[in-house]
């Protein structure tokens, strides 16, 4: 009887591993660009900063969470106003310190083309946004 139960548990463990392992490998193999594209989708839908906190590096997330709620809401409103649309990643570069820097371009709210640098960091096995800066050429 025990051998039969042990066999059942082994089969169950193998089946679970067959489903969990590919998902884990997929999460680990996500490129910086793929992560940033997921962030852009989440940012577009976000109504408050709490919606994008999971994408932020721990240091930035902590700072945002420590900001009083009314200031946090105003800050997020400004971020939304200053954001760019139709963002495309032009280049992905790995830095010696383990960070990845994305060179991006997009269109601001005044329909001007802008370029940006996005620094992504790995925290555990997950990408997080460290810094993002943009410059816009006024036409």
C-alpha atoms as a PDB file:
ATOM      1  CA  UNK A   1       0.000   0.000   0.000  1.00  0.00           C
ATOM      2  CA  UNK A   2       2.799   2.456   0.877  1.00  0.00           C
ATOM      3  CA  UNK A   3       4.584   1.785  -2.419  1.00  0.00           C
ATOM      4  CA  UNK A   4       1.436   2.651  -4.324  1.00  0.00           C
ATOM      5  CA  UNK A   5       1.033   5.949  -2.394  1.00  0.00           C
ATOM      6  CA  UNK A   6       4.681   6.789  -2.911  1.00  0.00           C
ATOM      7  CA  UNK A   7       4.308   6.138  -6.641  1.00  0.00           C
ATOM      8  CA  UNK A   8       1.257   8.393  -6.774  1.00  0.00           C
ATOM      9  CA  UNK A   9       3.149  11.202  -5.028  1.00  0.00           C
ATOM     10  CA  UNK A  10       6.098  10.843  -7.375  1.00  0.00           C
ATOM     11  CA  UNK A  11       3.807  11.059 -10.414  1.00  0.00           C
ATOM     12  CA  UNK A  12       2.066  14.128  -8.940  1.00  0.00           C
ATOM     13  CA  UNK A  13       5.415  15.809  -8.264  1.00  0.00           C
ATOM     14  CA  UNK A  14       6.547  15.173 -11.841  1.00  0.00           C
ATOM     15  CA  UNK A  15       3.313  16.569 -13.280  1.00  0.00           C
ATOM     16  CA  UNK A  16       3.533  19.683 -11.094  1.00  0.00           C
ATOM     17  CA  UNK A  17       7.176  20.206 -12.032  1.00  0.00           C
ATOM     18  CA  UNK A  18       6.290  19.903 -15.715  1.00  0.00           C
ATOM     19  CA  UNK A  19       3.895  22.842 -15.391  1.00  0.00           C
ATOM     20  CA  UNK A  20       5.809  25.011 -12.897  1.00  0.00           C
ATOM     21  CA  UNK A  21       9.322  24.717 -14.353  1.00  0.00           C
ATOM     22  CA  UNK A  22       8.517  26.251 -17.774  1.00  0.00           C
ATOM     23  CA  UNK A  23       6.743  29.203 -16.121  1.00  0.00           C
ATOM     24  CA  UNK A  24       9.713  29.764 -13.827  1.00  0.00           C
ATOM     25  CA  UNK A  25      12.154  29.558 -16.720  1.00  0.00           C
ATOM     26  CA  UNK A  26      10.025  31.946 -18.757  1.00  0.00           C
ATOM     27  CA  UNK A  27      10.044  34.513 -15.936  1.00  0.00           C
ATOM     28  CA  UNK A  28      13.815  34.170 -15.612  1.00  0.00           C
ATOM     29  CA  UNK A  29      14.390  34.526 -19.343  1.00  0.00           C
ATOM     30  CA  UNK A  30      12.320  37.709 -19.749  1.00  0.00           C
ATOM     31  CA  UNK A  31      14.436  40.355 -21.437  1.00  0.00           C
ATOM     32  CA  UNK A  32      14.720  43.896 -20.143  1.00  0.00           C
ATOM     33  CA  UNK A  33      12.809  45.109 -23.197  1.00  0.00           C
ATOM     34  CA  UNK A  34       9.971  42.635 -22.599  1.00  0.00           C
ATOM     35  CA  UNK A  35       9.732  43.761 -18.975  1.00  0.00           C
ATOM     36  CA  UNK A  36       9.666  47.443 -19.985  1.00  0.00           C
ATOM     37  CA  UNK A  37       6.921  46.786 -22.520  1.00  0.00           C
ATOM     38  CA  UNK A  38       4.831  45.124 -19.775  1.00  0.00           C
ATOM     39  CA  UNK A  39       5.481  48.161 -17.574  1.00  0.00           C
ATOM     40  CA  UNK A  40       4.347  50.535 -20.345  1.00  0.00           C
ATOM     41  CA  UNK A  41       1.093  48.601 -20.697  1.00  0.00           C
ATOM     42  CA  UNK A  42       0.520  48.717 -16.935  1.00  0.00           C
ATOM     43  CA  UNK A  43       1.439  52.416 -16.784  1.00  0.00           C
ATOM     44  CA  UNK A  44      -1.025  53.255 -19.544  1.00  0.00           C
ATOM     45  CA  UNK A  45      -3.844  51.599 -17.579  1.00  0.00           C
ATOM     46  CA  UNK A  46      -2.722  52.875 -14.153  1.00  0.00           C
ATOM     47  CA  UNK A  47      -5.047  55.215 -12.269  1.00  0.00           C
ATOM     48  CA  UNK A  48      -2.788  55.650  -9.231  1.00  0.00           C
ATOM     49  CA  UNK A  49       0.874  55.118  -8.411  1.00  0.00           C
ATOM     50  CA  UNK A  50       0.058  51.980  -6.436  1.00  0.00           C
ATOM     51  CA  UNK A  51      -0.781  50.332  -9.766  1.00  0.00           C
ATOM     52  CA  UNK A  52       2.835  50.553 -10.897  1.00  0.00           C
ATOM     53  CA  UNK A  53       4.675  50.015  -7.610  1.00  0.00           C
ATOM     54  CA  UNK A  54       5.420  46.355  -8.462  1.00  0.00           C
ATOM     55  CA  UNK A  55       7.528  47.554 -11.400  1.00  0.00           C
ATOM     56  CA  UNK A  56       9.650  49.944  -9.333  1.00  0.00           C
ATOM     57  CA  UNK A  57      13.053  49.203  -7.815  1.00  0.00           C
ATOM     58  CA  UNK A  58      12.866  48.744  -4.043  1.00  0.00           C
ATOM     59  CA  UNK A  59      14.537  52.087  -3.303  1.00  0.00           C
ATOM     60  CA  UNK A  60      12.080  54.011  -5.518  1.00  0.00           C
ATOM     61  CA  UNK A  61       9.102  52.039  -4.290  1.00  0.00           C
ATOM     62  CA  UNK A  62      10.012  52.775  -0.665  1.00  0.00           C
ATOM     63  CA  UNK A  63      10.320  56.482  -1.422  1.00  0.00           C
ATOM     64  CA  UNK A  64       6.934  56.536  -3.172  1.00  0.00           C
ATOM     65  CA  UNK A  65       5.249  54.649  -0.334  1.00  0.00           C
ATOM     66  CA  UNK A  66       6.661  57.083   2.238  1.00  0.00           C
ATOM     67  CA  UNK A  67       5.245  60.090   0.396  1.00  0.00           C
ATOM     68  CA  UNK A  68       1.945  61.320   1.897  1.00  0.00           C
ATOM     69  CA  UNK A  69      -1.062  60.126  -0.115  1.00  0.00           C
ATOM     70  CA  UNK A  70      -2.176  63.553  -1.380  1.00  0.00           C
ATOM     71  CA  UNK A  71       1.353  64.388  -2.570  1.00  0.00           C
ATOM     72  CA  UNK A  72       1.717  60.920  -4.081  1.00  0.00           C
ATOM     73  CA  UNK A  73      -1.491  61.438  -6.091  1.00  0.00           C
ATOM     74  CA  UNK A  74      -0.262  64.836  -7.360  1.00  0.00           C
ATOM     75  CA  UNK A  75       3.129  63.363  -8.215  1.00  0.00           C
ATOM     76  CA  UNK A  76       1.517  60.546 -10.187  1.00  0.00           C
ATOM     77  CA  UNK A  77      -0.661  63.057 -12.044  1.00  0.00           C
ATOM     78  CA  UNK A  78       2.455  64.970 -13.099  1.00  0.00           C
ATOM     79  CA  UNK A  79       4.180  61.762 -14.184  1.00  0.00           C
ATOM     80  CA  UNK A  80       1.161  60.907 -16.344  1.00  0.00           C
ATOM     81  CA  UNK A  81       1.129  64.396 -17.918  1.00  0.00           C
ATOM     82  CA  UNK A  82       4.856  64.265 -18.692  1.00  0.00           C
ATOM     83  CA  UNK A  83       4.800  60.704 -20.000  1.00  0.00           C
ATOM     84  CA  UNK A  84       5.355  59.670 -23.606  1.00  0.00           C
ATOM     85  CA  UNK A  85       3.157  57.534 -25.864  1.00  0.00           C
ATOM     86  CA  UNK A  86       4.010  55.107 -28.648  1.00  0.00           C
ATOM     87  CA  UNK A  87       7.255  54.298 -26.846  1.00  0.00           C
ATOM     88  CA  UNK A  88       9.689  52.084 -28.716  1.00  0.00           C
ATOM     89  CA  UNK A  89      12.888  50.524 -27.416  1.00  0.00           C
ATOM     90  CA  UNK A  90      15.731  51.375 -29.778  1.00  0.00           C
ATOM     91  CA  UNK A  91      18.625  49.739 -27.968  1.00  0.00           C
ATOM     92  CA  UNK A  92      19.286  47.506 -24.960  1.00  0.00           C
ATOM     93  CA  UNK A  93      22.744  47.732 -23.380  1.00  0.00           C
ATOM     94  CA  UNK A  94      24.122  45.799 -20.432  1.00  0.00           C
ATOM     95  CA  UNK A  95      26.247  47.868 -18.070  1.00  0.00           C
ATOM     96  CA  UNK A  96      29.250  46.430 -16.202  1.00  0.00           C
ATOM     97  CA  UNK A  97      27.422  46.884 -12.871  1.00  0.00           C
ATOM     98  CA  UNK A  98      24.652  44.460 -13.954  1.00  0.00           C
ATOM     99  CA  UNK A  99      22.114  47.123 -14.857  1.00  0.00           C
ATOM    100  CA  UNK A 100      20.553  47.323 -18.307  1.00  0.00           C
ATOM    101  CA  UNK A 101      20.033  50.638 -20.040  1.00  0.00           C
ATOM    102  CA  UNK A 102      17.315  50.989 -22.628  1.00  0.00           C
ATOM    103  CA  UNK A 103      17.415  53.765 -25.185  1.00  0.00           C
ATOM    104  CA  UNK A 104      13.822  54.612 -26.049  1.00  0.00           C
ATOM    105  CA  UNK A 105      11.804  57.077 -28.083  1.00  0.00           C
ATOM    106  CA  UNK A 106       8.228  58.249 -27.876  1.00  0.00           C
ATOM    107  CA  UNK A 107       5.805  61.119 -28.436  1.00  0.00           C
ATOM    108  CA  UNK A 108       4.934  63.575 -25.654  1.00  0.00           C
ATOM    109  CA  UNK A 109       1.531  65.168 -25.019  1.00  0.00           C
ATOM    110  CA  UNK A 110       2.460  68.108 -27.315  1.00  0.00           C
ATOM    111  CA  UNK A 111       3.145  65.639 -30.172  1.00  0.00           C
ATOM    112  CA  UNK A 112       6.915  66.210 -29.971  1.00  0.00           C
ATOM    113  CA  UNK A 113       9.336  63.323 -30.372  1.00  0.00           C
ATOM    114  CA  UNK A 114      11.408  62.552 -27.311  1.00  0.00           C
ATOM    115  CA  UNK A 115      14.221  60.192 -26.458  1.00  0.00           C
ATOM    116  CA  UNK A 116      14.874  58.584 -23.140  1.00  0.00           C
ATOM    117  CA  UNK A 117      17.139  56.386 -21.105  1.00  0.00           C
ATOM    118  CA  UNK A 118      15.621  53.776 -18.824  1.00  0.00           C
ATOM    119  CA  UNK A 119      17.843  52.016 -16.317  1.00  0.00           C
ATOM    120  CA  UNK A 120      16.608  48.610 -15.248  1.00  0.00           C
ATOM    121  CA  UNK A 121      17.981  46.618 -12.338  1.00  0.00           C
ATOM    122  CA  UNK A 122      17.574  43.011 -11.341  1.00  0.00           C
ATOM    123  CA  UNK A 123      16.139  42.392  -7.888  1.00  0.00           C
ATOM    124  CA  UNK A 124      16.206  38.663  -7.324  1.00  0.00           C
ATOM    125  CA  UNK A 125      15.173  37.245 -10.704  1.00  0.00           C
ATOM    126  CA  UNK A 126      12.892  40.159 -11.576  1.00  0.00           C
ATOM    127  CA  UNK A 127      13.540  43.307 -13.570  1.00  0.00           C
ATOM    128  CA  UNK A 128      12.650  46.609 -11.899  1.00  0.00           C
ATOM    129  CA  UNK A 129      12.777  50.223 -13.058  1.00  0.00           C
ATOM    130  CA  UNK A 130      15.612  52.123 -11.441  1.00  0.00           C
ATOM    131  CA  UNK A 131      15.663  55.422 -13.340  1.00  0.00           C
ATOM    132  CA  UNK A 132      13.931  56.938 -16.330  1.00  0.00           C
ATOM    133  CA  UNK A 133      14.830  60.236 -17.979  1.00  0.00           C
ATOM    134  CA  UNK A 134      13.531  61.890 -21.130  1.00  0.00           C
ATOM    135  CA  UNK A 135      14.482  64.806 -23.332  1.00  0.00           C
ATOM    136  CA  UNK A 136      12.247  66.269 -26.019  1.00  0.00           C
ATOM    137  CA  UNK A 137      13.168  68.233 -29.115  1.00  0.00           C
ATOM    138  CA  UNK A 138      10.564  70.921 -29.682  1.00  0.00           C
ATOM    139  CA  UNK A 139       9.645  71.240 -33.347  1.00  0.00           C
END
